[in-house]
Amino acid sequence: MTTKLNFRADGPHAYSNQAQVQQWEATQWLIECVEDDEDAGWSSWVSADFIISTYEPATGEETGKFTSYNPDGQEERLRRISIEERGREVLAACIAGKDPEELMSQWSMDIQEASASPSP
């Protein structure tokens, strides 16, 4: 993926909702997990929930790096990430054959546009 969201004040999503950015990043991480799996492609998955439960997304509390939740043997405490509706929709669309990069780019633009809009 070429689109990258960040929290620093040096990018298009610098002032975006951090929860939305984390959802985007967690979904991106799940997409990479599926695509890196040599034994299974998108057609091997039956649902977004199955992908989420298989990889159990979490971040390290100190490093913020994504990993699968497994509290045993971890050097740092992990915080689970619950994938919200948009992430589930993207994963389901990928399973249905849609291009992950296009879906994620559109979501990225939506986040950017929402951050540029004045709040009520």
PDB file of N, CA and C in Angstrom:
ATOM      1  N   MET A   1       0.823  -1.173   0.000  1.00  0.00           N
ATOM      2  CA  MET A   1       0.000   0.000   0.000  1.00  0.00           C
ATOM      3  C   MET A   1       0.878   1.252   0.000  1.00  0.00           C
ATOM      4  N   THR A   2       0.483   2.215  -0.744  1.00  0.00           N
ATOM      5  CA  THR A   2       1.234   3.458  -0.786  1.00  0.00           C
ATOM      6  C   THR A   2       0.656   4.513   0.142  1.00  0.00           C
ATOM      7  N   THR A   3      -0.585   4.383   0.540  1.00  0.00           N
ATOM      8  CA  THR A   3      -1.213   5.361   1.418  1.00  0.00           C
ATOM      9  C   THR A   3      -0.806   5.075   2.860  1.00  0.00           C
ATOM     10  N   LYS A   4      -0.365   6.095   3.556  1.00  0.00           N
ATOM     11  CA  LYS A   4       0.037   5.916   4.951  1.00  0.00           C
ATOM     12  C   LYS A   4      -0.568   7.017   5.800  1.00  0.00           C
ATOM     13  N   LEU A   5      -1.236   6.640   6.834  1.00  0.00           N
ATOM     14  CA  LEU A   5      -1.813   7.595   7.761  1.00  0.00           C
ATOM     15  C   LEU A   5      -0.865   7.751   8.936  1.00  0.00           C
ATOM     16  N   ASN A   6      -0.837   8.940   9.517  1.00  0.00           N
ATOM     17  CA  ASN A   6       0.031   9.129  10.672  1.00  0.00           C
ATOM     18  C   ASN A   6      -0.544  10.155  11.628  1.00  0.00           C
ATOM     19  N   PHE A   7       0.047  10.231  12.791  1.00  0.00           N
ATOM     20  CA  PHE A   7      -0.404  11.143  13.826  1.00  0.00           C
ATOM     21  C   PHE A   7       0.473  12.388  13.907  1.00  0.00           C
ATOM     22  N   ARG A   8       1.567  12.415  13.191  1.00  0.00           N
ATOM     23  CA  ARG A   8       2.465  13.562  13.235  1.00  0.00           C
ATOM     24  C   ARG A   8       1.865  14.713  12.441  1.00  0.00           C
ATOM     25  N   ALA A   9       2.354  15.878  12.703  1.00  0.00           N
ATOM     26  CA  ALA A   9       1.836  17.064  12.019  1.00  0.00           C
ATOM     27  C   ALA A   9       2.526  17.272  10.680  1.00  0.00           C
ATOM     28  N   ASP A  10       2.885  16.214   9.994  1.00  0.00           N
ATOM     29  CA  ASP A  10       3.608  16.363   8.732  1.00  0.00           C
ATOM     30  C   ASP A  10       2.954  15.606   7.579  1.00  0.00           C
ATOM     31  N   GLY A  11       1.708  15.233   7.739  1.00  0.00           N
ATOM     32  CA  GLY A  11       1.059  14.476   6.678  1.00  0.00           C
ATOM     33  C   GLY A  11      -0.388  14.867   6.521  1.00  0.00           C
ATOM     34  N   PRO A  12      -1.048  14.317   5.511  1.00  0.00           N
ATOM     35  CA  PRO A  12      -2.433  14.696   5.229  1.00  0.00           C
ATOM     36  C   PRO A  12      -3.414  14.293   6.324  1.00  0.00           C
ATOM     37  N   HIS A  13      -3.033  13.357   7.185  1.00  0.00           N
ATOM     38  CA  HIS A  13      -3.939  12.899   8.237  1.00  0.00           C
ATOM     39  C   HIS A  13      -3.458  13.319   9.625  1.00  0.00           C
ATOM     40  N   ALA A  14      -2.653  14.361   9.661  1.00  0.00           N
ATOM     41  CA  ALA A  14      -2.067  14.793  10.919  1.00  0.00           C
ATOM     42  C   ALA A  14      -3.125  15.157  11.956  1.00  0.00           C
ATOM     43  N   TYR A  15      -4.244  15.684  11.520  1.00  0.00           N
ATOM     44  CA  TYR A  15      -5.276  16.117  12.458  1.00  0.00           C
ATOM     45  C   TYR A  15      -6.525  15.249  12.387  1.00  0.00           C
ATOM     46  N   SER A  16      -6.385  14.063  11.820  1.00  0.00           N
ATOM     47  CA  SER A  16      -7.520  13.147  11.701  1.00  0.00           C
ATOM     48  C   SER A  16      -7.846  12.513  13.049  1.00  0.00           C
ATOM     49  N   ASN A  17      -9.053  12.005  13.145  1.00  0.00           N
ATOM     50  CA  ASN A  17      -9.494  11.294  14.329  1.00  0.00           C
ATOM     51  C   ASN A  17      -8.583  10.085  14.548  1.00  0.00           C
ATOM     52  N   GLN A  18      -7.944  10.042  15.698  1.00  0.00           N
ATOM     53  CA  GLN A  18      -6.974   8.979  15.950  1.00  0.00           C
ATOM     54  C   GLN A  18      -7.603   7.592  15.967  1.00  0.00           C
ATOM     55  N   ALA A  19      -8.839   7.483  16.428  1.00  0.00           N
ATOM     56  CA  ALA A  19      -9.514   6.182  16.438  1.00  0.00           C
ATOM     57  C   ALA A  19      -9.746   5.691  15.012  1.00  0.00           C
ATOM     58  N   GLN A  20     -10.107   6.596  14.097  1.00  0.00           N
ATOM     59  CA  GLN A  20     -10.295   6.218  12.699  1.00  0.00           C
ATOM     60  C   GLN A  20      -8.963   5.797  12.068  1.00  0.00           C
ATOM     61  N   VAL A  21      -7.923   6.527  12.380  1.00  0.00           N
ATOM     62  CA  VAL A  21      -6.606   6.191  11.842  1.00  0.00           C
ATOM     63  C   VAL A  21      -6.166   4.824  12.341  1.00  0.00           C
ATOM     64  N   GLN A  22      -6.387   4.550  13.620  1.00  0.00           N
ATOM     65  CA  GLN A  22      -6.002   3.237  14.149  1.00  0.00           C
ATOM     66  C   GLN A  22      -6.807   2.123  13.500  1.00  0.00           C
ATOM     67  N   GLN A  23      -8.086   2.343  13.251  1.00  0.00           N
ATOM     68  CA  GLN A  23      -8.908   1.343  12.578  1.00  0.00           C
ATOM     69  C   GLN A  23      -8.368   1.073  11.175  1.00  0.00           C
ATOM     70  N   TRP A  24      -8.027   2.155  10.476  1.00  0.00           N
ATOM     71  CA  TRP A  24      -7.460   2.016   9.135  1.00  0.00           C
ATOM     72  C   TRP A  24      -6.168   1.199   9.195  1.00  0.00           C
ATOM     73  N   GLU A  25      -5.291   1.570  10.116  1.00  0.00           N
ATOM     74  CA  GLU A  25      -4.003   0.878  10.230  1.00  0.00           C
ATOM     75  C   GLU A  25      -4.172  -0.589  10.632  1.00  0.00           C
ATOM     76  N   ALA A  26      -5.086  -0.864  11.541  1.00  0.00           N
ATOM     77  CA  ALA A  26      -5.324  -2.250  11.961  1.00  0.00           C
ATOM     78  C   ALA A  26      -5.880  -3.074  10.809  1.00  0.00           C
ATOM     79  N   THR A  27      -6.771  -2.486  10.027  1.00  0.00           N
ATOM     80  CA  THR A  27      -7.319  -3.189   8.868  1.00  0.00           C
ATOM     81  C   THR A  27      -6.227  -3.410   7.829  1.00  0.00           C
ATOM     82  N   GLN A  28      -5.377  -2.422   7.641  1.00  0.00           N
ATOM     83  CA  GLN A  28      -4.243  -2.575   6.726  1.00  0.00           C
ATOM     84  C   GLN A  28      -3.352  -3.725   7.181  1.00  0.00           C
ATOM     85  N   TRP A  29      -3.109  -3.817   8.472  1.00  0.00           N
ATOM     86  CA  TRP A  29      -2.288  -4.889   9.020  1.00  0.00           C
ATOM     87  C   TRP A  29      -2.940  -6.249   8.744  1.00  0.00           C
ATOM     88  N   LEU A  30      -4.263  -6.338   8.935  1.00  0.00           N
ATOM     89  CA  LEU A  30      -4.962  -7.599   8.656  1.00  0.00           C
ATOM     90  C   LEU A  30      -4.872  -7.968   7.175  1.00  0.00           C
ATOM     91  N   ILE A  31      -5.012  -6.994   6.300  1.00  0.00           N
ATOM     92  CA  ILE A  31      -4.874  -7.249   4.861  1.00  0.00           C
ATOM     93  C   ILE A  31      -3.487  -7.803   4.557  1.00  0.00           C
ATOM     94  N   GLU A  32      -2.475  -7.209   5.136  1.00  0.00           N
ATOM     95  CA  GLU A  32      -1.105  -7.691   4.919  1.00  0.00           C
ATOM     96  C   GLU A  32      -0.923  -9.102   5.456  1.00  0.00           C
ATOM     97  N   CYS A  33      -1.547  -9.416   6.597  1.00  0.00           N
ATOM     98  CA  CYS A  33      -1.467 -10.778   7.140  1.00  0.00           C
ATOM     99  C   CYS A  33      -2.046 -11.780   6.150  1.00  0.00           C
ATOM    100  N   VAL A  34      -3.217 -11.463   5.595  1.00  0.00           N
ATOM    101  CA  VAL A  34      -3.859 -12.365   4.634  1.00  0.00           C
ATOM    102  C   VAL A  34      -2.995 -12.491   3.387  1.00  0.00           C
ATOM    103  N   GLU A  35      -2.507 -11.379   2.871  1.00  0.00           N
ATOM    104  CA  GLU A  35      -1.734 -11.415   1.630  1.00  0.00           C
ATOM    105  C   GLU A  35      -0.374 -12.075   1.808  1.00  0.00           C
ATOM    106  N   ASP A  36       0.171 -12.032   3.025  1.00  0.00           N
ATOM    107  CA  ASP A  36       1.464 -12.668   3.289  1.00  0.00           C
ATOM    108  C   ASP A  36       1.349 -14.163   3.547  1.00  0.00           C
ATOM    109  N   ASP A  37       0.143 -14.645   3.762  1.00  0.00           N
ATOM    110  CA  ASP A  37      -0.085 -16.063   4.032  1.00  0.00           C
ATOM    111  C   ASP A  37       0.043 -16.841   2.724  1.00  0.00           C
ATOM    112  N   GLU A  38       1.101 -17.603   2.599  1.00  0.00           N
ATOM    113  CA  GLU A  38       1.360 -18.345   1.356  1.00  0.00           C
ATOM    114  C   GLU A  38       0.392 -19.503   1.147  1.00  0.00           C
ATOM    115  N   ASP A  39      -0.241 -19.946   2.220  1.00  0.00           N
ATOM    116  CA  ASP A  39      -1.125 -21.107   2.126  1.00  0.00           C
ATOM    117  C   ASP A  39      -2.575 -20.747   1.808  1.00  0.00           C
ATOM    118  N   ALA A  40      -2.910 -19.463   1.883  1.00  0.00           N
ATOM    119  CA  ALA A  40      -4.315 -19.085   1.670  1.00  0.00           C
ATOM    120  C   ALA A  40      -4.397 -17.730   0.980  1.00  0.00           C
ATOM    121  N   GLY A  41      -5.329 -17.608   0.071  1.00  0.00           N
ATOM    122  CA  GLY A  41      -5.619 -16.332  -0.568  1.00  0.00           C
ATOM    123  C   GLY A  41      -6.943 -15.808  -0.042  1.00  0.00           C
ATOM    124  N   TRP A  42      -7.396 -14.709  -0.604  1.00  0.00           N
ATOM    125  CA  TRP A  42      -8.651 -14.113  -0.157  1.00  0.00           C
ATOM    126  C   TRP A  42      -9.814 -15.096  -0.264  1.00  0.00           C
ATOM    127  N   SER A  43      -9.808 -15.920  -1.294  1.00  0.00           N
ATOM    128  CA  SER A  43     -10.924 -16.845  -1.490  1.00  0.00           C
ATOM    129  C   SER A  43     -10.987 -17.935  -0.415  1.00  0.00           C
ATOM    130  N   SER A  44      -9.936 -18.083   0.361  1.00  0.00           N
ATOM    131  CA  SER A  44      -9.914 -19.085   1.427  1.00  0.00           C
ATOM    132  C   SER A  44     -10.661 -18.642   2.679  1.00  0.00           C
ATOM    133  N   TRP A  45     -10.995 -17.370   2.745  1.00  0.00           N
ATOM    134  CA  TRP A  45     -11.639 -16.827   3.934  1.00  0.00           C
ATOM    135  C   TRP A  45     -13.147 -16.763   3.730  1.00  0.00           C
ATOM    136  N   VAL A  46     -13.891 -17.084   4.769  1.00  0.00           N
ATOM    137  CA  VAL A  46     -15.350 -17.091   4.656  1.00  0.00           C
ATOM    138  C   VAL A  46     -15.993 -15.806   5.162  1.00  0.00           C
ATOM    139  N   SER A  47     -15.292 -15.064   6.018  1.00  0.00           N
ATOM    140  CA  SER A  47     -15.868 -13.832   6.552  1.00  0.00           C
ATOM    141  C   SER A  47     -14.787 -12.946   7.153  1.00  0.00           C
ATOM    142  N   ALA A  48     -15.138 -11.672   7.306  1.00  0.00           N
ATOM    143  CA  ALA A  48     -14.237 -10.730   7.974  1.00  0.00           C
ATOM    144  C   ALA A  48     -14.000 -11.173   9.415  1.00  0.00           C
ATOM    145  N   ASP A  49     -15.039 -11.658  10.070  1.00  0.00           N
ATOM    146  CA  ASP A  49     -14.899 -12.106  11.457  1.00  0.00           C
ATOM    147  C   ASP A  49     -13.887 -13.243  11.586  1.00  0.00           C
ATOM    148  N   PHE A  50     -13.845 -14.104  10.598  1.00  0.00           N
ATOM    149  CA  PHE A  50     -12.900 -15.215  10.625  1.00  0.00           C
ATOM    150  C   PHE A  50     -11.456 -14.694  10.521  1.00  0.00           C
ATOM    151  N   ILE A  51     -11.234 -13.712   9.677  1.00  0.00           N
ATOM    152  CA  ILE A  51      -9.900 -13.104   9.568  1.00  0.00           C
ATOM    153  C   ILE A  51      -9.524 -12.449  10.898  1.00  0.00           C
ATOM    154  N   ILE A  52     -10.441 -11.676  11.448  1.00  0.00           N
ATOM    155  CA  ILE A  52     -10.179 -10.957  12.695  1.00  0.00           C
ATOM    156  C   ILE A  52      -9.887 -11.926  13.834  1.00  0.00           C
ATOM    157  N   SER A  53     -10.671 -12.986  13.944  1.00  0.00           N
ATOM    158  CA  SER A  53     -10.449 -13.938  15.034  1.00  0.00           C
ATOM    159  C   SER A  53      -9.187 -14.772  14.819  1.00  0.00           C
ATOM    160  N   THR A  54      -8.799 -14.968  13.580  1.00  0.00           N
ATOM    161  CA  THR A  54      -7.578 -15.725  13.302  1.00  0.00           C
ATOM    162  C   THR A  54      -6.333 -14.942  13.704  1.00  0.00           C
ATOM    163  N   TYR A  55      -6.279 -13.681  13.341  1.00  0.00           N
ATOM    164  CA  TYR A  55      -5.084 -12.874  13.596  1.00  0.00           C
ATOM    165  C   TYR A  55      -5.155 -12.059  14.883  1.00  0.00           C
ATOM    166  N   GLU A  56      -6.342 -11.872  15.451  1.00  0.00           N
ATOM    167  CA  GLU A  56      -6.542 -11.162  16.715  1.00  0.00           C
ATOM    168  C   GLU A  56      -5.656  -9.915  16.825  1.00  0.00           C
ATOM    169  N   PRO A  57      -5.989  -8.853  16.116  1.00  0.00           N
ATOM    170  CA  PRO A  57      -5.120  -7.675  16.108  1.00  0.00           C
ATOM    171  C   PRO A  57      -4.956  -7.029  17.486  1.00  0.00           C
ATOM    172  N   ALA A  58      -3.722  -6.639  17.745  1.00  0.00           N
ATOM    173  CA  ALA A  58      -3.376  -5.964  18.993  1.00  0.00           C
ATOM    174  C   ALA A  58      -2.175  -5.073  18.720  1.00  0.00           C
ATOM    175  N   THR A  59      -1.938  -4.159  19.639  1.00  0.00           N
ATOM    176  CA  THR A  59      -0.728  -3.338  19.551  1.00  0.00           C
ATOM    177  C   THR A  59       0.036  -3.458  20.855  1.00  0.00           C
ATOM    178  N   GLY A  60       1.340  -3.307  20.749  1.00  0.00           N
ATOM    179  CA  GLY A  60       2.162  -3.253  21.940  1.00  0.00           C
ATOM    180  C   GLY A  60       1.949  -1.910  22.620  1.00  0.00           C
ATOM    181  N   GLU A  61       1.759  -1.919  23.925  1.00  0.00           N
ATOM    182  CA  GLU A  61       1.483  -0.669  24.632  1.00  0.00           C
ATOM    183  C   GLU A  61       2.644   0.318  24.552  1.00  0.00           C
ATOM    184  N   GLU A  62       3.872  -0.178  24.521  1.00  0.00           N
ATOM    185  CA  GLU A  62       5.029   0.711  24.472  1.00  0.00           C
ATOM    186  C   GLU A  62       5.421   1.070  23.046  1.00  0.00           C
ATOM    187  N   THR A  63       5.444   0.098  22.160  1.00  0.00           N
ATOM    188  CA  THR A  63       5.927   0.333  20.798  1.00  0.00           C
ATOM    189  C   THR A  63       4.837   0.764  19.839  1.00  0.00           C
ATOM    190  N   GLY A  64       3.598   0.370  20.106  1.00  0.00           N
ATOM    191  CA  GLY A  64       2.495   0.678  19.196  1.00  0.00           C
ATOM    192  C   GLY A  64       2.483  -0.195  17.954  1.00  0.00           C
ATOM    193  N   LYS A  65       3.366  -1.185  17.885  1.00  0.00           N
ATOM    194  CA  LYS A  65       3.432  -2.075  16.721  1.00  0.00           C
ATOM    195  C   LYS A  65       2.302  -3.095  16.764  1.00  0.00           C
ATOM    196  N   PHE A  66       1.809  -3.419  15.569  1.00  0.00           N
ATOM    197  CA  PHE A  66       0.734  -4.397  15.447  1.00  0.00           C
ATOM    198  C   PHE A  66       1.286  -5.806  15.557  1.00  0.00           C
ATOM    199  N   THR A  67       0.490  -6.659  16.194  1.00  0.00           N
ATOM    200  CA  THR A  67       0.831  -8.055  16.359  1.00  0.00           C
ATOM    201  C   THR A  67      -0.454  -8.823  16.633  1.00  0.00           C
ATOM    202  N   SER A  68      -0.360 -10.138  16.634  1.00  0.00           N
ATOM    203  CA  SER A  68      -1.507 -10.957  17.033  1.00  0.00           C
ATOM    204  C   SER A  68      -1.531 -11.039  18.548  1.00  0.00           C
ATOM    205  N   TYR A  69      -2.727 -10.970  19.095  1.00  0.00           N
ATOM    206  CA  TYR A  69      -2.861 -10.993  20.548  1.00  0.00           C
ATOM    207  C   TYR A  69      -2.492 -12.367  21.081  1.00  0.00           C
ATOM    208  N   ASN A  70      -1.493 -12.377  21.925  1.00  0.00           N
ATOM    209  CA  ASN A  70      -1.063 -13.582  22.621  1.00  0.00           C
ATOM    210  C   ASN A  70      -0.281 -13.100  23.834  1.00  0.00           C
ATOM    211  N   PRO A  71      -0.945 -12.981  24.972  1.00  0.00           N
ATOM    212  CA  PRO A  71      -0.281 -12.392  26.133  1.00  0.00           C
ATOM    213  C   PRO A  71       0.849 -13.241  26.712  1.00  0.00           C
ATOM    214  N   ASP A  72       0.881 -14.521  26.385  1.00  0.00           N
ATOM    215  CA  ASP A  72       1.932 -15.395  26.906  1.00  0.00           C
ATOM    216  C   ASP A  72       3.212 -15.209  26.101  1.00  0.00           C
ATOM    217  N   GLY A  73       4.286 -14.972  26.787  1.00  0.00           N
ATOM    218  CA  GLY A  73       5.586 -14.883  26.134  1.00  0.00           C
ATOM    219  C   GLY A  73       5.876 -13.556  25.465  1.00  0.00           C
ATOM    220  N   GLN A  74       5.014 -12.566  25.630  1.00  0.00           N
ATOM    221  CA  GLN A  74       5.251 -11.259  25.041  1.00  0.00           C
ATOM    222  C   GLN A  74       6.145 -10.437  25.961  1.00  0.00           C
ATOM    223  N   GLU A  75       7.038  -9.661  25.354  1.00  0.00           N
ATOM    224  CA  GLU A  75       7.925  -8.813  26.138  1.00  0.00           C
ATOM    225  C   GLU A  75       7.222  -7.555  26.628  1.00  0.00           C
ATOM    226  N   GLU A  76       6.172  -7.144  25.949  1.00  0.00           N
ATOM    227  CA  GLU A  76       5.432  -5.961  26.371  1.00  0.00           C
ATOM    228  C   GLU A  76       3.947  -6.285  26.471  1.00  0.00           C
ATOM    229  N   ARG A  77       3.242  -5.476  27.220  1.00  0.00           N
ATOM    230  CA  ARG A  77       1.796  -5.673  27.343  1.00  0.00           C
ATOM    231  C   ARG A  77       1.131  -5.334  26.015  1.00  0.00           C
ATOM    232  N   LEU A  78       0.099  -6.093  25.698  1.00  0.00           N
ATOM    233  CA  LEU A  78      -0.624  -5.897  24.445  1.00  0.00           C
ATOM    234  C   LEU A  78      -2.015  -5.342  24.724  1.00  0.00           C
ATOM    235  N   ARG A  79      -2.475  -4.539  23.786  1.00  0.00           N
ATOM    236  CA  ARG A  79      -3.823  -3.994  23.855  1.00  0.00           C
ATOM    237  C   ARG A  79      -4.572  -4.455  22.617  1.00  0.00           C
ATOM    238  N   ARG A  80      -5.649  -5.203  22.820  1.00  0.00           N
ATOM    239  CA  ARG A  80      -6.449  -5.709  21.705  1.00  0.00           C
ATOM    240  C   ARG A  80      -7.119  -4.563  20.965  1.00  0.00           C
ATOM    241  N   ILE A  81      -7.340  -4.788  19.671  1.00  0.00           N
ATOM    242  CA  ILE A  81      -8.030  -3.809  18.842  1.00  0.00           C
ATOM    243  C   ILE A  81      -9.290  -4.458  18.309  1.00  0.00           C
ATOM    244  N   SER A  82     -10.399  -3.814  18.541  1.00  0.00           N
ATOM    245  CA  SER A  82     -11.676  -4.276  18.019  1.00  0.00           C
ATOM    246  C   SER A  82     -11.884  -3.625  16.656  1.00  0.00           C
ATOM    247  N   ILE A  83     -12.078  -4.429  15.640  1.00  0.00           N
ATOM    248  CA  ILE A  83     -12.275  -3.897  14.290  1.00  0.00           C
ATOM    249  C   ILE A  83     -13.734  -3.472  14.137  1.00  0.00           C
ATOM    250  N   GLU A  84     -13.905  -2.213  13.775  1.00  0.00           N
ATOM    251  CA  GLU A  84     -15.231  -1.620  13.658  1.00  0.00           C
ATOM    252  C   GLU A  84     -15.852  -1.920  12.291  1.00  0.00           C
ATOM    253  N   GLU A  85     -17.020  -1.336  12.054  1.00  0.00           N
ATOM    254  CA  GLU A  85     -17.822  -1.620  10.862  1.00  0.00           C
ATOM    255  C   GLU A  85     -17.072  -1.381   9.549  1.00  0.00           C
ATOM    256  N   ARG A  86     -16.406  -0.244   9.404  1.00  0.00           N
ATOM    257  CA  ARG A  86     -15.739   0.051   8.123  1.00  0.00           C
ATOM    258  C   ARG A  86     -14.645  -0.973   7.830  1.00  0.00           C
ATOM    259  N   GLY A  87     -13.884  -1.340   8.830  1.00  0.00           N
ATOM    260  CA  GLY A  87     -12.846  -2.352   8.641  1.00  0.00           C
ATOM    261  C   GLY A  87     -13.428  -3.696   8.236  1.00  0.00           C
ATOM    262  N   ARG A  88     -14.519  -4.075   8.846  1.00  0.00           N
ATOM    263  CA  ARG A  88     -15.189  -5.328   8.504  1.00  0.00           C
ATOM    264  C   ARG A  88     -15.723  -5.288   7.073  1.00  0.00           C
ATOM    265  N   GLU A  89     -16.261  -4.130   6.688  1.00  0.00           N
ATOM    266  CA  GLU A  89     -16.757  -3.981   5.314  1.00  0.00           C
ATOM    267  C   GLU A  89     -15.621  -4.119   4.303  1.00  0.00           C
ATOM    268  N   VAL A  90     -14.487  -3.519   4.598  1.00  0.00           N
ATOM    269  CA  VAL A  90     -13.337  -3.611   3.691  1.00  0.00           C
ATOM    270  C   VAL A  90     -12.868  -5.051   3.576  1.00  0.00           C
ATOM    271  N   LEU A  91     -12.736  -5.737   4.697  1.00  0.00           N
ATOM    272  CA  LEU A  91     -12.290  -7.136   4.658  1.00  0.00           C
ATOM    273  C   LEU A  91     -13.278  -8.011   3.890  1.00  0.00           C
ATOM    274  N   ALA A  92     -14.566  -7.792   4.112  1.00  0.00           N
ATOM    275  CA  ALA A  92     -15.588  -8.566   3.390  1.00  0.00           C
ATOM    276  C   ALA A  92     -15.515  -8.292   1.890  1.00  0.00           C
ATOM    277  N   ALA A  93     -15.280  -7.053   1.510  1.00  0.00           N
ATOM    278  CA  ALA A  93     -15.159  -6.700   0.088  1.00  0.00           C
ATOM    279  C   ALA A  93     -13.919  -7.352  -0.521  1.00  0.00           C
ATOM    280  N   CYS A  94     -12.840  -7.425   0.237  1.00  0.00           N
ATOM    281  CA  CYS A  94     -11.628  -8.102  -0.256  1.00  0.00           C
ATOM    282  C   CYS A  94     -11.913  -9.585  -0.501  1.00  0.00           C
ATOM    283  N   ILE A  95     -12.619 -10.207   0.427  1.00  0.00           N
ATOM    284  CA  ILE A  95     -12.984 -11.618   0.259  1.00  0.00           C
ATOM    285  C   ILE A  95     -13.824 -11.792  -1.003  1.00  0.00           C
ATOM    286  N   ALA A  96     -14.680 -10.805  -1.285  1.00  0.00           N
ATOM    287  CA  ALA A  96     -15.563 -10.858  -2.461  1.00  0.00           C
ATOM    288  C   ALA A  96     -14.828 -10.531  -3.760  1.00  0.00           C
ATOM    289  N   GLY A  97     -13.540 -10.202  -3.670  1.00  0.00           N
ATOM    290  CA  GLY A  97     -12.749  -9.986  -4.873  1.00  0.00           C
ATOM    291  C   GLY A  97     -12.395  -8.545  -5.193  1.00  0.00           C
ATOM    292  N   LYS A  98     -12.759  -7.606  -4.344  1.00  0.00           N
ATOM    293  CA  LYS A  98     -12.406  -6.204  -4.573  1.00  0.00           C
ATOM    294  C   LYS A  98     -10.920  -5.984  -4.291  1.00  0.00           C
ATOM    295  N   ASP A  99     -10.362  -4.953  -4.910  1.00  0.00           N
ATOM    296  CA  ASP A  99      -8.946  -4.624  -4.750  1.00  0.00           C
ATOM    297  C   ASP A  99      -8.704  -3.957  -3.392  1.00  0.00           C
ATOM    298  N   PRO A 100      -7.907  -4.580  -2.510  1.00  0.00           N
ATOM    299  CA  PRO A 100      -7.654  -3.998  -1.190  1.00  0.00           C
ATOM    300  C   PRO A 100      -7.045  -2.590  -1.268  1.00  0.00           C
ATOM    301  N   GLU A 101      -6.156  -2.372  -2.199  1.00  0.00           N
ATOM    302  CA  GLU A 101      -5.502  -1.070  -2.289  1.00  0.00           C
ATOM    303  C   GLU A 101      -6.510   0.041  -2.614  1.00  0.00           C
ATOM    304  N   GLU A 102      -7.422  -0.236  -3.527  1.00  0.00           N
ATOM    305  CA  GLU A 102      -8.447   0.761  -3.861  1.00  0.00           C
ATOM    306  C   GLU A 102      -9.363   1.029  -2.668  1.00  0.00           C
ATOM    307  N   LEU A 103      -9.772  -0.022  -1.977  1.00  0.00           N
ATOM    308  CA  LEU A 103     -10.643   0.133  -0.816  1.00  0.00           C
ATOM    309  C   LEU A 103      -9.967   0.950   0.281  1.00  0.00           C
ATOM    310  N   MET A 104      -8.709   0.650   0.536  1.00  0.00           N
ATOM    311  CA  MET A 104      -7.983   1.355   1.581  1.00  0.00           C
ATOM    312  C   MET A 104      -7.687   2.798   1.179  1.00  0.00           C
ATOM    313  N   SER A 105      -7.409   3.022  -0.079  1.00  0.00           N
ATOM    314  CA  SER A 105      -7.170   4.396  -0.545  1.00  0.00           C
ATOM    315  C   SER A 105      -8.429   5.240  -0.400  1.00  0.00           C
ATOM    316  N   GLN A 106      -9.589   4.662  -0.735  1.00  0.00           N
ATOM    317  CA  GLN A 106     -10.850   5.393  -0.586  1.00  0.00           C
ATOM    318  C   GLN A 106     -11.114   5.710   0.878  1.00  0.00           C
ATOM    319  N   TRP A 107     -10.873   4.749   1.739  1.00  0.00           N
ATOM    320  CA  TRP A 107     -11.072   4.959   3.166  1.00  0.00           C
ATOM    321  C   TRP A 107     -10.125   6.054   3.667  1.00  0.00           C
ATOM    322  N   SER A 108      -8.900   6.020   3.204  1.00  0.00           N
ATOM    323  CA  SER A 108      -7.922   7.045   3.572  1.00  0.00           C
ATOM    324  C   SER A 108      -8.410   8.438   3.173  1.00  0.00           C
ATOM    325  N   MET A 109      -8.922   8.552   1.950  1.00  0.00           N
ATOM    326  CA  MET A 109      -9.447   9.841   1.485  1.00  0.00           C
ATOM    327  C   MET A 109     -10.635  10.280   2.330  1.00  0.00           C
ATOM    328  N   ASP A 110     -11.495   9.333   2.701  1.00  0.00           N
ATOM    329  CA  ASP A 110     -12.648   9.657   3.537  1.00  0.00           C
ATOM    330  C   ASP A 110     -12.200  10.195   4.899  1.00  0.00           C
ATOM    331  N   ILE A 111     -11.182   9.596   5.470  1.00  0.00           N
ATOM    332  CA  ILE A 111     -10.655  10.060   6.755  1.00  0.00           C
ATOM    333  C   ILE A 111     -10.077  11.464   6.605  1.00  0.00           C
ATOM    334  N   GLN A 112      -9.338  11.657   5.534  1.00  0.00           N
ATOM    335  CA  GLN A 112      -8.740  12.970   5.290  1.00  0.00           C
ATOM    336  C   GLN A 112      -9.818  14.034   5.099  1.00  0.00           C
ATOM    337  N   GLU A 113     -10.844  13.729   4.324  1.00  0.00           N
ATOM    338  CA  GLU A 113     -11.933  14.685   4.083  1.00  0.00           C
ATOM    339  C   GLU A 113     -12.686  14.993   5.381  1.00  0.00           C
ATOM    340  N   ALA A 114     -12.898  13.983   6.203  1.00  0.00           N
ATOM    341  CA  ALA A 114     -13.592  14.210   7.480  1.00  0.00           C
ATOM    342  C   ALA A 114     -12.784  15.112   8.395  1.00  0.00           C
ATOM    343  N   SER A 115     -11.454  14.981   8.345  1.00  0.00           N
ATOM    344  CA  SER A 115     -10.627  15.823   9.209  1.00  0.00           C
ATOM    345  C   SER A 115     -10.561  17.253   8.706  1.00  0.00           C
ATOM    346  N   ALA A 116     -10.818  17.455   7.409  1.00  0.00           N
ATOM    347  CA  ALA A 116     -10.785  18.800   6.824  1.00  0.00           C
ATOM    348  C   ALA A 116     -12.114  19.525   6.984  1.00  0.00           C
ATOM    349  N   SER A 117     -13.161  18.765   7.295  1.00  0.00           N
ATOM    350  CA  SER A 117     -14.498  19.357   7.453  1.00  0.00           C
ATOM    351  C   SER A 117     -14.636  19.958   8.845  1.00  0.00           C
ATOM    352  N   PRO A 118     -15.279  21.092   8.938  1.00  0.00           N
ATOM    353  CA  PRO A 118     -15.485  21.684  10.266  1.00  0.00           C
ATOM    354  C   PRO A 118     -16.426  20.825  11.103  1.00  0.00           C
ATOM    355  N   SER A 119     -16.132  20.737  12.384  1.00  0.00           N
ATOM    356  CA  SER A 119     -16.977  19.965  13.302  1.00  0.00           C
ATOM    357  C   SER A 119     -18.192  20.794  13.674  1.00  0.00           C
ATOM    358  N   PRO A 120     -19.355  20.142  13.851  1.00  0.00           N
ATOM    359  CA  PRO A 120     -20.558  20.882  14.227  1.00  0.00           C
ATOM    360  C   PRO A 120     -20.472  21.397  15.648  1.00  0.00           C
TER     361      PRO A 120
END
